[in-house]
């Protein structure tokens, strides 16, 4: 069945009407009203009505960064200036119907699981490397966050006790060292991971130590996840994964440095995610469709 996916970002809100096999039938986009949840809810409902998408037969999923709970309907998102915002209630009130809220990284995993790099997998992990780090897990053919809504906060594994302060209130979190924003912070004179990758590929020696240390940090976290979950497949997404085979080879080589990987987890297949910037809207639609079908079964 068709579904609506909405992905709330710090600068724009993406919309998509999604059909079978993740086919995007229609798209739309509007600026994100920051620090004004009511105005954001108005923008979303206004666009849906303008497009004629607010049909009672179409599930609606909304993906957002931060601490997102479909159960409470509350969202805390630093990039939007939100603290415990009742987003679900705001949208339900305006639309006159239910919506499903999902964390953006978990939504991306749902897209990959429905029809992308994790399609058909019963034991898998998804990791997204971006401004922060997030992801999800498929355990025995079921998304772990359906069982435990606070699960899979990979970016806040503490890998450097007493290390850098994290906005979550802890110190030494994974994302302070292995997110793409962490990479840019450590690379003097660069403004984006894309610029860094270009110079790494070109073999510029001054950036290679920063890059090698970054890969080491990413792989250290991956090893922790493998020892906990021992998945059949690990998929990596986020903007940096668009570097393709070069990035995947760097990760593979980094994992080979770990004796436990060589001994116990070499059978875990490491893949790159396939949906890129569409992952949020596709995953929000997939999660909403799944919830709708379970409710009406």
Protein backbone atom coordinates (compact mmCIF):
# COMPACT_ATOMS: atom_id res chain seq x y z
CA UNK A 1 0.00 0.00 0.00
CA UNK A 2 1.03 3.61 -0.43
CA UNK A 3 2.28 5.64 2.54
CA UNK A 4 3.50 9.15 3.30
CA UNK A 5 7.04 9.67 4.61
CA UNK A 6 8.13 12.95 6.20
CA UNK A 7 11.73 13.68 7.22
CA UNK A 8 12.28 16.70 9.48
CA UNK A 9 15.78 18.14 9.08
CA UNK A 10 17.45 21.19 10.54
CA UNK A 11 17.01 23.24 7.36
CA UNK A 12 14.23 21.54 5.40
CA UNK A 13 11.34 19.10 5.69
CA UNK A 14 11.15 16.44 2.99
CA UNK A 15 7.90 14.75 1.97
CA UNK A 16 7.30 11.73 -0.23
CA UNK A 17 4.35 9.63 -1.27
CA UNK A 18 5.84 6.14 -1.43
CA UNK A 19 4.50 3.13 -3.30
CA UNK A 20 5.57 -0.49 -3.52
CA UNK A 21 9.28 -1.38 -3.47
CA UNK A 22 10.23 2.08 -2.16
CA UNK A 23 9.05 3.80 -5.34
CA UNK A 24 8.74 7.55 -4.74
CA UNK A 25 5.54 8.59 -6.51
CA UNK A 26 5.56 12.28 -5.52
CA UNK A 27 7.96 14.59 -3.67
CA UNK A 28 7.73 17.91 -1.87
CA UNK A 29 9.90 20.04 0.40
CA UNK A 30 9.59 23.14 2.56
CA UNK A 31 11.87 25.10 4.93
CA UNK A 32 12.02 23.98 8.56
CA UNK A 33 10.68 26.53 11.08
CA UNK A 34 13.30 26.20 13.85
CA UNK A 35 12.41 26.88 17.49
CA UNK A 36 8.70 26.97 16.63
CA UNK A 37 7.05 23.53 16.83
CA UNK A 38 3.54 24.87 16.23
CA UNK A 39 4.66 26.60 13.01
CA UNK A 40 6.39 23.38 11.90
CA UNK A 41 3.23 21.37 12.49
CA UNK A 42 1.29 23.99 10.51
CA UNK A 43 3.77 23.70 7.61
CA UNK A 44 3.43 19.92 7.52
CA UNK A 45 -0.36 19.84 7.65
CA UNK A 46 -0.66 22.69 5.17
CA UNK A 47 1.54 20.98 2.60
CA UNK A 48 -0.23 17.63 2.99
CA UNK A 49 -3.60 19.27 2.42
CA UNK A 50 -2.31 21.31 -0.48
CA UNK A 51 -1.06 18.15 -2.18
CA UNK A 52 -4.19 16.21 -1.31
CA UNK A 53 -2.10 13.62 0.55
CA UNK A 54 -3.97 13.67 3.86
CA UNK A 55 -6.20 10.74 3.01
CA UNK A 56 -7.46 8.49 5.82
CA UNK A 57 -6.29 5.43 3.89
CA UNK A 58 -2.63 6.52 3.75
CA UNK A 59 -0.35 5.82 6.73
CA UNK A 60 1.83 8.81 7.66
CA UNK A 61 5.28 8.42 9.18
CA UNK A 62 7.41 11.28 10.51
CA UNK A 63 11.17 10.89 11.01
CA UNK A 64 13.12 13.34 13.15
CA UNK A 65 16.57 13.54 14.69
CA UNK A 66 17.03 13.48 18.44
CA UNK A 67 15.19 11.71 21.24
CA UNK A 68 11.96 10.61 19.55
CA UNK A 69 9.20 8.52 21.14
CA UNK A 70 6.08 7.39 19.32
CA UNK A 71 4.70 6.13 22.64
CA UNK A 72 4.82 9.50 24.42
CA UNK A 73 4.69 11.60 21.26
CA UNK A 74 7.54 13.75 22.58
CA UNK A 75 10.64 14.90 20.70
CA UNK A 76 13.82 16.48 22.05
CA UNK A 77 16.02 17.69 19.20
CA UNK A 78 19.01 20.01 19.62
CA UNK A 79 19.12 20.90 15.92
CA UNK A 80 15.55 22.23 16.16
CA UNK A 81 15.88 23.84 19.57
CA UNK A 82 13.25 21.44 20.98
CA UNK A 83 12.95 20.07 24.50
CA UNK A 84 10.13 17.56 25.10
CA UNK A 85 7.96 18.93 22.29
CA UNK A 86 4.61 17.09 21.91
CA UNK A 87 4.99 16.74 18.14
CA UNK A 88 2.60 13.82 17.80
CA UNK A 89 -0.17 15.70 19.58
CA UNK A 90 0.43 18.82 17.50
CA UNK A 91 0.16 16.88 14.24
CA UNK A 92 -2.75 14.70 15.38
CA UNK A 93 -4.72 17.74 16.42
CA UNK A 94 -4.20 19.48 13.08
CA UNK A 95 -4.65 16.45 10.86
CA UNK A 96 -7.46 14.86 12.81
CA UNK A 97 -5.72 11.49 12.57
CA UNK A 98 -2.81 9.49 13.96
CA UNK A 99 0.78 9.68 12.72
CA UNK A 100 3.77 7.50 13.55
CA UNK A 101 6.91 9.18 14.92
CA UNK A 102 10.31 7.60 14.38
CA UNK A 103 13.90 8.56 15.03
CA UNK A 104 15.54 9.44 11.72
CA UNK A 105 18.38 6.92 11.93
CA UNK A 106 15.99 4.10 12.78
CA UNK A 107 13.73 5.20 9.94
CA UNK A 108 16.73 4.93 7.61
CA UNK A 109 17.29 1.38 8.82
CA UNK A 110 13.64 0.57 8.11
CA UNK A 111 14.09 1.75 4.53
CA UNK A 112 17.17 -0.42 4.11
CA UNK A 113 15.41 -3.39 5.70
CA UNK A 114 12.26 -3.10 3.62
CA UNK A 115 13.92 -2.93 0.21
CA UNK A 116 17.58 -1.91 0.45
CA UNK A 117 20.85 -3.27 1.77
CA UNK A 118 19.18 -5.26 4.59
CA UNK A 119 16.21 -6.62 2.67
CA UNK A 120 15.15 -10.03 3.96
CA UNK A 121 17.74 -10.13 6.76
CA UNK A 122 16.76 -11.57 10.14
CA UNK A 123 19.93 -10.62 12.02
CA UNK A 124 21.40 -7.27 11.03
CA UNK A 125 22.71 -3.93 12.21
CA UNK A 126 22.47 -0.53 10.57
CA UNK A 127 24.78 2.35 11.44
CA UNK A 128 24.54 5.87 10.08
CA UNK A 129 27.55 8.18 10.25
CA UNK A 130 26.64 11.85 10.01
CA UNK A 131 26.57 14.89 12.28
CA UNK A 132 25.90 12.31 14.97
CA UNK A 133 25.75 8.51 14.95
CA UNK A 134 22.61 6.43 15.07
CA UNK A 135 21.23 3.19 13.78
CA UNK A 136 19.12 0.19 14.49
CA UNK A 137 19.07 -3.56 14.88
CA UNK A 138 17.06 -6.39 13.38
CA UNK A 139 16.86 -9.29 15.82
CA UNK A 140 15.13 -12.51 14.80
CA UNK A 141 13.43 -10.70 11.94
CA UNK A 142 12.06 -7.82 14.03
CA UNK A 143 13.27 -4.23 14.60
CA UNK A 144 14.65 -4.04 18.13
CA UNK A 145 13.13 -0.59 18.77
CA UNK A 146 9.67 -2.14 18.45
CA UNK A 147 10.54 -4.06 21.62
CA UNK A 148 12.53 -1.33 23.35
CA UNK A 149 12.02 2.25 22.10
CA UNK A 150 15.23 3.49 23.74
CA UNK A 151 17.38 0.83 22.03
CA UNK A 152 20.12 1.33 19.45
CA UNK A 153 21.51 4.67 20.64
CA UNK A 154 24.87 3.63 19.24
CA UNK A 155 26.28 7.13 19.13
CA UNK A 156 26.22 7.27 22.90
CA UNK A 157 28.22 4.17 23.65
CA UNK A 158 31.02 5.39 25.90
CA UNK A 159 34.28 4.39 24.24
CA UNK A 160 36.54 7.02 25.83
CA UNK A 161 35.68 7.26 29.56
CA UNK A 162 36.26 10.80 30.74
CA UNK A 163 36.68 11.98 27.16
CA UNK A 164 35.00 14.77 25.23
CA UNK A 165 31.77 16.17 26.63
CA UNK A 166 28.68 15.13 24.68
CA UNK A 167 25.39 17.08 24.51
CA UNK A 168 23.69 14.00 26.00
CA UNK A 169 25.45 14.78 29.31
CA UNK A 170 28.00 11.97 29.16
CA UNK A 171 31.70 12.04 28.27
CA UNK A 172 33.56 10.08 25.63
CA UNK A 173 30.58 9.03 23.49
CA UNK A 174 31.21 7.22 20.20
CA UNK A 175 29.81 10.04 18.08
CA UNK A 176 32.26 12.55 19.57
CA UNK A 177 35.01 10.60 17.81
CA UNK A 178 33.48 8.71 14.87
CA UNK A 179 30.80 11.02 13.44
CA UNK A 180 31.61 13.01 10.31
CA UNK A 181 31.40 16.20 12.36
CA UNK A 182 34.13 14.76 14.63
CA UNK A 183 36.25 14.07 11.54
CA UNK A 184 35.88 17.67 10.34
CA UNK A 185 36.71 19.06 13.82
CA UNK A 186 40.01 17.19 13.78
CA UNK A 187 40.98 18.13 10.23
CA UNK A 188 42.35 21.66 10.38
CA UNK A 189 41.40 23.80 7.41
CA UNK A 190 38.51 21.64 6.18
CA UNK A 191 34.82 22.45 6.25
CA UNK A 192 33.29 19.12 5.19
CA UNK A 193 33.91 15.38 5.14
CA UNK A 194 33.59 15.51 1.36
CA UNK A 195 36.62 17.81 1.10
CA UNK A 196 38.59 15.52 3.39
CA UNK A 197 37.73 12.46 1.35
CA UNK A 198 38.84 14.14 -1.87
CA UNK A 199 42.27 14.82 -0.39
CA UNK A 200 42.53 11.37 1.18
CA UNK A 201 41.80 9.78 -2.19
CA UNK A 202 44.39 12.08 -3.77
CA UNK A 203 46.95 10.80 -1.25
CA UNK A 204 47.70 14.13 0.49
CA UNK A 205 49.94 13.04 3.31
CA UNK A 206 49.03 15.76 5.82
CA UNK A 207 45.41 14.54 6.09
CA UNK A 208 46.11 10.80 6.15
CA UNK A 209 46.87 10.54 9.92
CA UNK A 210 43.55 12.26 10.71
CA UNK A 211 41.70 9.97 8.32
CA UNK A 212 43.39 6.81 9.59
CA UNK A 213 42.59 7.72 13.18
CA UNK A 214 38.98 8.39 12.20
CA UNK A 215 38.66 4.95 10.58
CA UNK A 216 40.22 3.45 13.71
CA UNK A 217 37.55 5.13 15.87
CA UNK A 218 34.73 3.98 13.60
CA UNK A 219 35.98 0.39 13.62
CA UNK A 220 36.45 0.33 17.39
CA UNK A 221 32.77 1.09 17.80
CA UNK A 222 31.83 -1.45 15.16
CA UNK A 223 33.77 -4.12 17.03
CA UNK A 224 31.81 -3.35 20.20
CA UNK A 225 28.55 -3.73 18.28
CA UNK A 226 29.66 -6.99 16.68
CA UNK A 227 30.59 -8.52 20.01
CA UNK A 228 27.14 -7.67 21.39
CA UNK A 229 24.91 -8.55 18.43
CA UNK A 230 26.99 -10.84 16.16
CA UNK A 231 24.83 -9.93 13.14
CA UNK A 232 24.87 -11.65 9.78
CA UNK A 233 25.03 -8.27 8.04
CA UNK A 234 26.19 -4.78 8.98
CA UNK A 235 25.07 -1.88 6.79
CA UNK A 236 26.66 1.57 7.01
CA UNK A 237 24.85 4.69 5.83
CA UNK A 238 25.12 8.45 6.15
CA UNK A 239 26.68 10.93 3.76
CA UNK A 240 30.18 9.52 4.06
CA UNK A 241 29.02 6.15 2.75
CA UNK A 242 28.51 7.84 -0.63
CA UNK A 243 32.29 7.50 -1.02
CA UNK A 244 31.40 3.95 -2.03
CA UNK A 245 33.95 1.20 -2.41
CA UNK A 246 36.80 3.41 -1.24
CA UNK A 247 35.13 3.98 2.13
CA UNK A 248 34.04 0.34 2.39
CA UNK A 249 37.62 -0.82 1.76
CA UNK A 250 38.90 1.52 4.47
CA UNK A 251 36.41 0.02 6.93
CA UNK A 252 37.26 -3.55 5.91
CA UNK A 253 40.97 -2.89 6.36
CA UNK A 254 40.32 -1.24 9.72
CA UNK A 255 38.30 -4.20 10.93
CA UNK A 256 41.09 -6.59 9.94
CA UNK A 257 43.28 -4.92 12.58
CA UNK A 258 41.07 -6.43 15.30
CA UNK A 259 41.95 -9.97 16.31
CA UNK A 260 38.41 -10.69 17.50
CA UNK A 261 37.02 -9.68 14.10
CA UNK A 262 39.43 -11.99 12.33
CA UNK A 263 38.67 -14.85 14.69
CA UNK A 264 34.93 -14.60 15.38
CA UNK A 265 33.16 -12.12 13.13
CA UNK A 266 34.75 -12.44 9.73
CA UNK A 267 31.51 -13.93 8.42
CA UNK A 268 29.59 -10.73 9.14
CA UNK A 269 29.06 -9.10 5.77
CA UNK A 270 29.70 -5.37 5.75
CA UNK A 271 27.69 -3.44 3.19
CA UNK A 272 26.96 0.16 2.26
CA UNK A 273 23.44 1.52 2.54
CA UNK A 274 21.73 2.29 -0.76
CA UNK A 275 19.14 5.01 -0.16
CA UNK A 276 21.25 8.05 0.74
CA UNK A 277 19.22 11.23 1.25
CA UNK A 278 15.96 9.38 0.61
CA UNK A 279 16.44 7.05 3.57
CA UNK A 280 14.50 9.25 6.01
CA UNK A 281 11.32 9.64 3.96
CA UNK A 282 11.39 6.06 2.72
CA UNK A 283 11.94 4.70 6.22
CA UNK A 284 9.25 6.88 7.79
CA UNK A 285 6.81 5.60 5.18
CA UNK A 286 7.93 1.99 5.73
CA UNK A 287 7.56 2.23 9.52
CA UNK A 288 4.12 3.84 9.20
CA UNK A 289 2.98 1.18 6.73
CA UNK A 290 4.24 -1.60 9.02
CA UNK A 291 2.41 -0.13 12.03
CA UNK A 292 -0.78 0.36 9.98
CA UNK A 293 -0.75 -3.21 8.71
CA UNK A 294 -0.20 -4.61 12.21
CA UNK A 295 -3.05 -2.50 13.55
CA UNK A 296 -5.49 -3.56 10.83
CA UNK A 297 -4.47 -7.23 10.63
